[in-house]
């Protein structure tokens, strides 16, 4: 019924609406806003794309510098299998994380720096193990791989919590 009253009112006073014209200054403001560049949103998108590209390139360089599994000299075959197992899991989690970080580029730097630090420590431990064949270093290598896996799992949990909060806020 309210629409009917409104519609009836508009029909009865149509001439009154047609006679009113907005001031010229209002039209000038409208055209100025339409002509103004909307660089704020575009700039944000460019920064997000740049952050994602930086993360992907960093990850690629990191993986390129890693020694391929099974090509190491003097490493226990059992450790090679263990290393291959963890590397596969870590790679899967990194790929999943990269997809999420495309939507949350502000987290990319923190997440990649933590993982990169663990990976650098892993490379130093691996070089040490190739020279010493110490069981303590071997255990440290495995622990480092486990820490990398746990770090990625925790980062994924953080992003999932953020997404859950975002969906709760939008509802």
N, C-alpha and C. Protein backbone atom coordinates (compact mmCIF):
# COMPACT_ATOMS: atom_id res chain seq x y z
N UNK A 1 0.82 -1.20 0.00
CA UNK A 1 0.00 0.00 0.00
C UNK A 1 0.86 1.26 0.00
N UNK A 2 1.98 1.18 0.70
CA UNK A 2 2.84 2.37 0.76
C UNK A 2 3.34 2.74 -0.63
N UNK A 3 3.64 1.77 -1.46
CA UNK A 3 4.08 2.07 -2.81
C UNK A 3 2.96 2.72 -3.60
N UNK A 4 1.75 2.27 -3.36
CA UNK A 4 0.62 2.86 -4.07
C UNK A 4 0.45 4.32 -3.70
N UNK A 5 0.60 4.65 -2.43
CA UNK A 5 0.48 6.05 -1.99
C UNK A 5 1.60 6.88 -2.59
N UNK A 6 2.80 6.34 -2.58
CA UNK A 6 3.93 7.06 -3.14
C UNK A 6 3.75 7.25 -4.64
N UNK A 7 3.34 6.21 -5.30
CA UNK A 7 3.13 6.29 -6.74
C UNK A 7 2.02 7.28 -7.08
N UNK A 8 0.98 7.27 -6.30
CA UNK A 8 -0.13 8.20 -6.52
C UNK A 8 0.35 9.63 -6.30
N UNK A 9 1.13 9.84 -5.26
CA UNK A 9 1.65 11.18 -4.97
C UNK A 9 2.53 11.68 -6.12
N UNK A 10 3.41 10.79 -6.61
CA UNK A 10 4.31 11.19 -7.70
C UNK A 10 3.51 11.52 -8.95
N UNK A 11 2.52 10.74 -9.25
CA UNK A 11 1.70 11.01 -10.44
C UNK A 11 0.95 12.33 -10.32
N UNK A 12 0.44 12.63 -9.11
CA UNK A 12 -0.31 13.86 -8.92
C UNK A 12 0.59 15.09 -8.99
N UNK A 13 1.83 14.96 -8.58
CA UNK A 13 2.73 16.12 -8.52
C UNK A 13 3.85 16.02 -9.55
N UNK A 14 3.62 15.36 -10.63
CA UNK A 14 4.64 15.16 -11.66
C UNK A 14 5.15 16.49 -12.23
N UNK A 15 4.28 17.41 -12.44
CA UNK A 15 4.68 18.69 -12.99
C UNK A 15 5.62 19.43 -12.04
N UNK A 16 5.37 19.29 -10.75
CA UNK A 16 6.24 19.94 -9.76
C UNK A 16 7.67 19.39 -9.84
N UNK A 17 7.78 18.10 -10.06
CA UNK A 17 9.10 17.49 -10.16
C UNK A 17 9.80 17.89 -11.44
N UNK A 18 9.07 18.00 -12.52
CA UNK A 18 9.65 18.34 -13.81
C UNK A 18 10.13 19.78 -13.85
N UNK A 19 9.54 20.65 -13.08
CA UNK A 19 9.91 22.06 -13.12
C UNK A 19 11.20 22.34 -12.36
N UNK A 20 11.52 21.50 -11.39
CA UNK A 20 12.73 21.74 -10.60
C UNK A 20 13.96 21.29 -11.38
N UNK A 21 14.93 22.17 -11.46
CA UNK A 21 16.20 21.81 -12.11
C UNK A 21 17.30 22.03 -11.07
N UNK A 22 18.27 21.14 -11.07
CA UNK A 22 19.36 21.31 -10.11
C UNK A 22 20.22 22.51 -10.48
N UNK A 23 20.84 23.11 -9.48
CA UNK A 23 21.71 24.26 -9.77
C UNK A 23 22.90 23.83 -10.65
N UNK A 24 23.43 24.77 -11.39
CA UNK A 24 24.55 24.49 -12.30
C UNK A 24 25.78 24.00 -11.54
N UNK A 25 25.97 24.50 -10.33
CA UNK A 25 27.13 24.09 -9.53
C UNK A 25 27.06 22.60 -9.20
N UNK A 26 25.86 22.08 -9.01
CA UNK A 26 25.70 20.65 -8.71
C UNK A 26 26.14 19.82 -9.90
N UNK A 27 25.75 20.24 -11.12
CA UNK A 27 26.18 19.50 -12.31
C UNK A 27 27.69 19.57 -12.49
N UNK A 28 28.29 20.71 -12.18
CA UNK A 28 29.74 20.85 -12.30
C UNK A 28 30.45 19.89 -11.33
N UNK A 29 29.93 19.78 -10.12
CA UNK A 29 30.53 18.86 -9.14
C UNK A 29 30.41 17.41 -9.62
N UNK A 30 29.26 17.07 -10.19
CA UNK A 30 29.06 15.70 -10.66
C UNK A 30 30.02 15.39 -11.79
N UNK A 31 30.16 16.29 -12.74
CA UNK A 31 31.06 16.03 -13.87
C UNK A 31 32.52 16.01 -13.41
N UNK A 32 32.86 16.83 -12.43
CA UNK A 32 34.24 16.82 -11.91
C UNK A 32 34.55 15.49 -11.24
N UNK A 33 33.59 14.94 -10.50
CA UNK A 33 33.81 13.64 -9.85
C UNK A 33 33.92 12.52 -10.87
N UNK A 34 33.13 12.60 -11.91
CA UNK A 34 33.19 11.56 -12.94
C UNK A 34 34.50 11.63 -13.71
N UNK A 35 35.02 12.84 -13.91
CA UNK A 35 36.25 13.03 -14.67
C UNK A 35 37.48 12.73 -13.83
N UNK A 36 37.37 12.79 -12.49
CA UNK A 36 38.52 12.57 -11.61
C UNK A 36 38.99 11.13 -11.72
N UNK A 37 40.30 10.91 -11.80
CA UNK A 37 40.82 9.53 -11.90
C UNK A 37 40.61 8.78 -10.59
N UNK A 38 40.27 7.54 -10.73
CA UNK A 38 40.05 6.69 -9.56
C UNK A 38 41.32 5.87 -9.32
N UNK A 39 42.41 6.56 -9.04
CA UNK A 39 43.70 5.89 -8.92
C UNK A 39 43.88 5.18 -7.59
N UNK A 40 43.13 5.53 -6.58
CA UNK A 40 43.29 4.91 -5.26
C UNK A 40 43.05 3.42 -5.31
N UNK A 41 41.98 3.00 -5.91
CA UNK A 41 41.65 1.57 -6.00
C UNK A 41 42.61 0.86 -6.94
N UNK A 42 42.91 1.50 -8.08
CA UNK A 42 43.83 0.90 -9.03
C UNK A 42 45.21 0.74 -8.41
N UNK A 43 45.64 1.74 -7.68
CA UNK A 43 46.95 1.69 -7.04
C UNK A 43 47.01 0.54 -6.05
N UNK A 44 45.92 0.34 -5.31
CA UNK A 44 45.88 -0.75 -4.34
C UNK A 44 45.96 -2.10 -5.06
N UNK A 45 45.27 -2.23 -6.16
CA UNK A 45 45.31 -3.47 -6.93
C UNK A 45 46.72 -3.72 -7.45
N UNK A 46 47.39 -2.67 -7.94
CA UNK A 46 48.76 -2.82 -8.43
C UNK A 46 49.69 -3.29 -7.31
N UNK A 47 49.53 -2.74 -6.12
CA UNK A 47 50.37 -3.15 -4.99
C UNK A 47 50.10 -4.60 -4.62
N UNK A 48 48.84 -5.01 -4.67
CA UNK A 48 48.51 -6.40 -4.35
C UNK A 48 49.13 -7.34 -5.38
N UNK A 49 49.02 -6.98 -6.64
CA UNK A 49 49.61 -7.81 -7.69
C UNK A 49 51.13 -7.86 -7.52
N UNK A 50 51.73 -6.73 -7.21
CA UNK A 50 53.19 -6.70 -7.01
C UNK A 50 53.60 -7.57 -5.83
N UNK A 51 52.83 -7.55 -4.76
CA UNK A 51 53.16 -8.37 -3.59
C UNK A 51 53.05 -9.86 -3.92
N UNK A 52 52.02 -10.23 -4.64
CA UNK A 52 51.85 -11.64 -5.02
C UNK A 52 52.99 -12.07 -5.94
N UNK A 53 53.34 -11.23 -6.92
CA UNK A 53 54.45 -11.56 -7.81
C UNK A 53 55.75 -11.70 -7.02
N UNK A 54 55.98 -10.81 -6.08
CA UNK A 54 57.18 -10.89 -5.26
C UNK A 54 57.21 -12.20 -4.49
N UNK A 55 56.08 -12.59 -3.91
CA UNK A 55 56.02 -13.84 -3.15
C UNK A 55 56.28 -15.03 -4.05
N UNK A 56 55.66 -15.06 -5.22
CA UNK A 56 55.82 -16.20 -6.12
C UNK A 56 57.26 -16.28 -6.63
N UNK A 57 57.84 -15.13 -7.00
CA UNK A 57 59.22 -15.14 -7.47
C UNK A 57 60.19 -15.54 -6.37
N UNK A 58 59.96 -15.06 -5.16
CA UNK A 58 60.81 -15.44 -4.03
C UNK A 58 60.72 -16.93 -3.78
N UNK A 59 59.53 -17.45 -3.83
CA UNK A 59 59.33 -18.88 -3.63
C UNK A 59 60.02 -19.67 -4.73
N UNK A 60 59.93 -19.18 -5.97
CA UNK A 60 60.59 -19.85 -7.08
C UNK A 60 62.10 -19.86 -6.93
N UNK A 61 62.66 -18.71 -6.54
CA UNK A 61 64.11 -18.64 -6.33
C UNK A 61 64.54 -19.55 -5.18
N UNK A 62 63.73 -19.58 -4.15
CA UNK A 62 64.02 -20.42 -3.00
C UNK A 62 64.04 -21.89 -3.41
N UNK A 63 63.06 -22.29 -4.18
CA UNK A 63 62.99 -23.68 -4.63
C UNK A 63 64.11 -24.00 -5.63
N UNK A 64 64.47 -23.03 -6.44
CA UNK A 64 65.53 -23.25 -7.43
C UNK A 64 66.87 -23.49 -6.74
N UNK A 65 67.11 -22.78 -5.64
CA UNK A 65 68.38 -22.90 -4.93
C UNK A 65 68.47 -24.15 -4.08
N UNK A 66 67.34 -24.81 -3.86
CA UNK A 66 67.37 -26.02 -3.05
C UNK A 66 67.95 -27.16 -3.88
N UNK A 67 68.71 -28.00 -3.21
CA UNK A 67 69.31 -29.14 -3.90
C UNK A 67 68.24 -30.19 -4.14
N UNK A 68 68.14 -30.75 -5.34
CA UNK A 68 67.12 -31.75 -5.62
C UNK A 68 67.27 -32.98 -4.72
N UNK A 69 66.14 -33.55 -4.37
CA UNK A 69 66.13 -34.72 -3.51
C UNK A 69 66.70 -35.90 -4.27
N UNK A 70 67.53 -36.68 -3.60
CA UNK A 70 68.10 -37.87 -4.20
C UNK A 70 69.40 -37.62 -4.94
N UNK A 71 69.79 -36.37 -5.13
CA UNK A 71 71.03 -36.06 -5.82
C UNK A 71 72.14 -35.67 -4.86
N UNK A 72 71.88 -35.78 -3.60
CA UNK A 72 72.89 -35.39 -2.63
C UNK A 72 73.87 -36.53 -2.45
N UNK A 73 75.08 -36.18 -2.13
CA UNK A 73 76.12 -37.18 -2.00
C UNK A 73 76.29 -37.54 -0.54
N UNK A 74 76.43 -38.81 -0.28
CA UNK A 74 76.74 -39.27 1.07
C UNK A 74 75.61 -39.15 2.06
N UNK A 75 74.35 -39.06 1.61
CA UNK A 75 73.24 -38.93 2.54
C UNK A 75 72.53 -40.29 2.62
N UNK A 76 72.19 -40.62 3.81
CA UNK A 76 71.50 -41.87 4.09
C UNK A 76 70.24 -42.00 3.23
N UNK A 77 70.02 -43.15 2.58
CA UNK A 77 68.82 -43.32 1.74
C UNK A 77 67.53 -43.18 2.54
N UNK A 78 67.56 -43.60 3.79
CA UNK A 78 66.37 -43.46 4.63
C UNK A 78 66.06 -41.98 4.86
N UNK A 79 67.11 -41.20 5.07
CA UNK A 79 66.89 -39.76 5.22
C UNK A 79 66.37 -39.15 3.92
N UNK A 80 66.88 -39.63 2.78
CA UNK A 80 66.41 -39.11 1.49
C UNK A 80 64.91 -39.34 1.32
N UNK A 81 64.44 -40.51 1.75
CA UNK A 81 63.01 -40.80 1.67
C UNK A 81 62.23 -39.89 2.62
N UNK A 82 62.77 -39.70 3.81
CA UNK A 82 62.12 -38.81 4.79
C UNK A 82 62.08 -37.39 4.26
N UNK A 83 63.20 -36.95 3.70
CA UNK A 83 63.28 -35.60 3.16
C UNK A 83 62.28 -35.42 2.01
N UNK A 84 62.21 -36.42 1.14
CA UNK A 84 61.28 -36.35 0.02
C UNK A 84 59.84 -36.28 0.52
N UNK A 85 59.50 -37.03 1.55
CA UNK A 85 58.16 -37.02 2.14
C UNK A 85 57.82 -35.62 2.64
N UNK A 86 58.70 -35.04 3.45
CA UNK A 86 58.43 -33.71 4.00
C UNK A 86 58.42 -32.65 2.91
N UNK A 87 59.32 -32.73 1.95
CA UNK A 87 59.35 -31.75 0.87
C UNK A 87 58.05 -31.76 0.07
N UNK A 88 57.49 -32.94 -0.13
CA UNK A 88 56.23 -33.03 -0.86
C UNK A 88 55.11 -32.35 -0.07
N UNK A 89 55.04 -32.62 1.22
CA UNK A 89 54.01 -31.99 2.06
C UNK A 89 54.21 -30.48 2.11
N UNK A 90 55.45 -30.07 2.29
CA UNK A 90 55.76 -28.63 2.36
C UNK A 90 55.38 -27.95 1.04
N UNK A 91 55.70 -28.59 -0.07
CA UNK A 91 55.36 -28.01 -1.38
C UNK A 91 53.85 -27.86 -1.55
N UNK A 92 53.09 -28.86 -1.13
CA UNK A 92 51.63 -28.78 -1.23
C UNK A 92 51.09 -27.63 -0.38
N UNK A 93 51.60 -27.51 0.83
CA UNK A 93 51.15 -26.43 1.73
C UNK A 93 51.56 -25.06 1.18
N UNK A 94 52.76 -24.97 0.59
CA UNK A 94 53.20 -23.70 0.01
C UNK A 94 52.30 -23.30 -1.15
N UNK A 95 51.91 -24.26 -1.97
CA UNK A 95 51.02 -23.96 -3.10
C UNK A 95 49.66 -23.48 -2.60
N UNK A 96 49.14 -24.14 -1.58
CA UNK A 96 47.86 -23.74 -1.00
C UNK A 96 47.97 -22.35 -0.37
N UNK A 97 49.08 -22.13 0.33
CA UNK A 97 49.30 -20.83 0.98
C UNK A 97 49.43 -19.72 -0.07
N UNK A 98 50.08 -20.00 -1.18
CA UNK A 98 50.23 -18.99 -2.24
C UNK A 98 48.88 -18.56 -2.77
N UNK A 99 47.95 -19.50 -2.88
CA UNK A 99 46.60 -19.15 -3.35
C UNK A 99 45.91 -18.22 -2.35
N UNK A 100 46.06 -18.50 -1.06
CA UNK A 100 45.46 -17.63 -0.05
C UNK A 100 46.13 -16.27 -0.02
N UNK A 101 47.46 -16.26 -0.13
CA UNK A 101 48.18 -14.98 -0.02
C UNK A 101 47.90 -14.06 -1.20
N UNK A 102 47.39 -14.60 -2.27
CA UNK A 102 46.97 -13.74 -3.38
C UNK A 102 45.84 -12.83 -2.93
N UNK A 103 45.02 -13.33 -1.98
CA UNK A 103 43.92 -12.52 -1.45
C UNK A 103 44.35 -11.69 -0.24
N UNK A 104 45.45 -12.07 0.41
CA UNK A 104 45.92 -11.35 1.59
C UNK A 104 47.41 -11.01 1.43
N UNK A 105 47.74 -10.13 0.50
CA UNK A 105 49.16 -9.85 0.22
C UNK A 105 49.89 -9.20 1.39
N UNK A 106 49.16 -8.57 2.30
CA UNK A 106 49.82 -7.94 3.44
C UNK A 106 50.46 -8.97 4.37
N UNK A 107 50.05 -10.22 4.30
CA UNK A 107 50.62 -11.27 5.12
C UNK A 107 51.81 -11.95 4.45
N UNK A 108 51.97 -11.75 3.17
CA UNK A 108 52.96 -12.49 2.38
C UNK A 108 54.38 -12.28 2.91
N UNK A 109 54.75 -11.05 3.22
CA UNK A 109 56.12 -10.77 3.64
C UNK A 109 56.46 -11.48 4.94
N UNK A 110 55.56 -11.40 5.92
CA UNK A 110 55.82 -12.06 7.21
C UNK A 110 55.92 -13.57 7.03
N UNK A 111 55.00 -14.13 6.30
CA UNK A 111 54.96 -15.57 6.12
C UNK A 111 56.19 -16.08 5.37
N UNK A 112 56.57 -15.40 4.31
CA UNK A 112 57.71 -15.87 3.52
C UNK A 112 59.02 -15.70 4.27
N UNK A 113 59.16 -14.64 5.06
CA UNK A 113 60.42 -14.44 5.78
C UNK A 113 60.64 -15.54 6.81
N UNK A 114 59.59 -15.96 7.51
CA UNK A 114 59.74 -17.05 8.48
C UNK A 114 60.14 -18.34 7.79
N UNK A 115 59.49 -18.66 6.71
CA UNK A 115 59.79 -19.89 5.99
C UNK A 115 61.18 -19.83 5.36
N UNK A 116 61.55 -18.68 4.87
CA UNK A 116 62.87 -18.53 4.26
C UNK A 116 63.97 -18.72 5.30
N UNK A 117 63.76 -18.21 6.50
CA UNK A 117 64.75 -18.37 7.56
C UNK A 117 64.93 -19.85 7.91
N UNK A 118 63.82 -20.56 8.03
CA UNK A 118 63.92 -22.00 8.30
C UNK A 118 64.63 -22.73 7.16
N UNK A 119 64.33 -22.35 5.95
CA UNK A 119 64.95 -23.00 4.80
C UNK A 119 66.45 -22.72 4.75
N UNK A 120 66.86 -21.50 5.08
CA UNK A 120 68.30 -21.18 5.11
C UNK A 120 69.00 -22.02 6.17
N UNK A 121 68.37 -22.16 7.35
CA UNK A 121 68.95 -23.00 8.39
C UNK A 121 69.03 -24.45 7.93
N UNK A 122 68.03 -24.90 7.20
CA UNK A 122 68.03 -26.26 6.69
C UNK A 122 69.21 -26.48 5.75
N UNK A 123 69.45 -25.52 4.86
CA UNK A 123 70.56 -25.65 3.91
C UNK A 123 71.91 -25.71 4.63
N UNK A 124 72.07 -24.90 5.69
CA UNK A 124 73.31 -24.93 6.45
C UNK A 124 73.48 -26.28 7.17
N UNK A 125 72.37 -26.77 7.76
CA UNK A 125 72.43 -28.06 8.43
C UNK A 125 72.75 -29.18 7.44
N UNK A 126 72.18 -29.11 6.27
CA UNK A 126 72.41 -30.14 5.26
C UNK A 126 73.87 -30.15 4.82
N UNK A 127 74.44 -28.97 4.62
CA UNK A 127 75.87 -28.89 4.25
C UNK A 127 76.74 -29.45 5.37
N UNK A 128 76.37 -29.15 6.61
CA UNK A 128 77.11 -29.66 7.76
C UNK A 128 76.99 -31.18 7.84
N UNK A 129 75.80 -31.70 7.59
CA UNK A 129 75.59 -33.14 7.66
C UNK A 129 76.39 -33.88 6.58
N UNK A 130 76.47 -33.30 5.39
CA UNK A 130 77.23 -33.93 4.31
C UNK A 130 78.70 -34.06 4.66
N UNK A 131 79.19 -33.16 5.52
CA UNK A 131 80.60 -33.22 5.92
C UNK A 131 80.81 -34.11 7.15
N UNK A 132 79.90 -34.04 8.12
CA UNK A 132 80.14 -34.72 9.40
C UNK A 132 79.38 -36.04 9.54
N UNK A 133 78.24 -36.19 8.89
CA UNK A 133 77.37 -37.37 9.03
C UNK A 133 76.99 -37.60 10.49
N UNK A 134 76.81 -36.51 11.22
CA UNK A 134 76.46 -36.60 12.64
C UNK A 134 74.98 -36.92 12.82
N UNK A 135 74.65 -37.87 13.70
CA UNK A 135 73.24 -38.17 13.97
C UNK A 135 72.48 -36.97 14.57
N UNK A 136 73.18 -36.14 15.32
CA UNK A 136 72.53 -34.95 15.89
C UNK A 136 72.12 -33.98 14.78
N UNK A 137 72.97 -33.82 13.79
CA UNK A 137 72.64 -32.93 12.67
C UNK A 137 71.51 -33.54 11.85
N UNK A 138 71.53 -34.85 11.70
CA UNK A 138 70.45 -35.52 10.98
C UNK A 138 69.11 -35.29 11.67
N UNK A 139 69.11 -35.42 12.99
CA UNK A 139 67.88 -35.15 13.75
C UNK A 139 67.46 -33.69 13.62
N UNK A 140 68.43 -32.79 13.59
CA UNK A 140 68.12 -31.36 13.42
C UNK A 140 67.52 -31.10 12.04
N UNK A 141 68.01 -31.80 11.02
CA UNK A 141 67.45 -31.65 9.67
C UNK A 141 65.99 -32.07 9.64
N UNK A 142 65.70 -33.22 10.25
CA UNK A 142 64.32 -33.70 10.27
C UNK A 142 63.44 -32.76 11.08
N UNK A 143 63.95 -32.29 12.20
CA UNK A 143 63.20 -31.34 13.02
C UNK A 143 62.91 -30.06 12.25
N UNK A 144 63.88 -29.60 11.48
CA UNK A 144 63.68 -28.39 10.67
C UNK A 144 62.57 -28.60 9.65
N UNK A 145 62.55 -29.76 8.99
CA UNK A 145 61.49 -30.05 8.03
C UNK A 145 60.13 -30.08 8.73
N UNK A 146 60.09 -30.65 9.91
CA UNK A 146 58.84 -30.68 10.67
C UNK A 146 58.40 -29.27 11.06
N UNK A 147 59.37 -28.44 11.43
CA UNK A 147 59.04 -27.05 11.77
C UNK A 147 58.52 -26.29 10.56
N UNK A 148 59.11 -26.53 9.39
CA UNK A 148 58.61 -25.88 8.18
C UNK A 148 57.16 -26.29 7.91
N UNK A 149 56.90 -27.58 8.07
CA UNK A 149 55.54 -28.08 7.86
C UNK A 149 54.59 -27.47 8.88
N UNK A 150 54.98 -27.44 10.15
CA UNK A 150 54.13 -26.86 11.19
C UNK A 150 53.89 -25.37 10.96
N UNK A 151 54.93 -24.66 10.52
CA UNK A 151 54.80 -23.23 10.24
C UNK A 151 53.77 -23.00 9.14
N UNK A 152 53.85 -23.77 8.08
CA UNK A 152 52.89 -23.62 6.98
C UNK A 152 51.47 -23.95 7.44
N UNK A 153 51.33 -25.00 8.24
CA UNK A 153 50.01 -25.35 8.76
C UNK A 153 49.44 -24.23 9.63
N UNK A 154 50.30 -23.64 10.48
CA UNK A 154 49.84 -22.53 11.32
C UNK A 154 49.48 -21.31 10.49
N UNK A 155 50.24 -21.04 9.44
CA UNK A 155 49.93 -19.91 8.58
C UNK A 155 48.60 -20.13 7.86
N UNK A 156 48.35 -21.35 7.44
CA UNK A 156 47.07 -21.66 6.81
C UNK A 156 45.92 -21.51 7.80
N UNK A 157 46.15 -21.91 9.04
CA UNK A 157 45.12 -21.76 10.07
C UNK A 157 44.81 -20.29 10.32
N UNK A 158 45.85 -19.47 10.34
CA UNK A 158 45.66 -18.02 10.55
C UNK A 158 44.80 -17.45 9.42
N UNK A 159 45.11 -17.80 8.21
CA UNK A 159 44.35 -17.27 7.07
C UNK A 159 42.91 -17.78 7.11
N UNK A 160 42.72 -19.03 7.50
CA UNK A 160 41.37 -19.57 7.58
C UNK A 160 40.58 -18.85 8.68
N UNK A 161 41.24 -18.50 9.79
CA UNK A 161 40.57 -17.73 10.84
C UNK A 161 40.19 -16.34 10.33
N UNK A 162 41.09 -15.72 9.58
CA UNK A 162 40.80 -14.40 9.01
C UNK A 162 39.61 -14.48 8.08
N UNK A 163 39.59 -15.50 7.23
CA UNK A 163 38.46 -15.65 6.31
C UNK A 163 37.17 -15.91 7.07
N UNK A 164 37.25 -16.68 8.13
CA UNK A 164 36.05 -16.97 8.94
C UNK A 164 35.53 -15.68 9.57
N UNK A 165 36.45 -14.85 10.09
CA UNK A 165 36.02 -13.59 10.68
C UNK A 165 35.43 -12.67 9.62
N UNK A 166 36.03 -12.67 8.43
CA UNK A 166 35.51 -11.82 7.35
C UNK A 166 34.11 -12.25 6.95
N UNK A 167 33.86 -13.55 6.91
CA UNK A 167 32.52 -14.01 6.55
C UNK A 167 31.53 -13.69 7.67
N UNK A 168 31.97 -13.78 8.92
CA UNK A 168 31.09 -13.44 10.03
C UNK A 168 30.76 -11.95 10.05
N UNK A 169 31.74 -11.12 9.70
CA UNK A 169 31.53 -9.67 9.68
C UNK A 169 30.61 -9.29 8.53
N UNK A 170 30.77 -9.96 7.39
CA UNK A 170 29.94 -9.60 6.23
C UNK A 170 28.51 -10.09 6.38
N UNK A 171 28.28 -11.06 7.24
CA UNK A 171 26.92 -11.55 7.45
C UNK A 171 26.26 -10.60 8.35
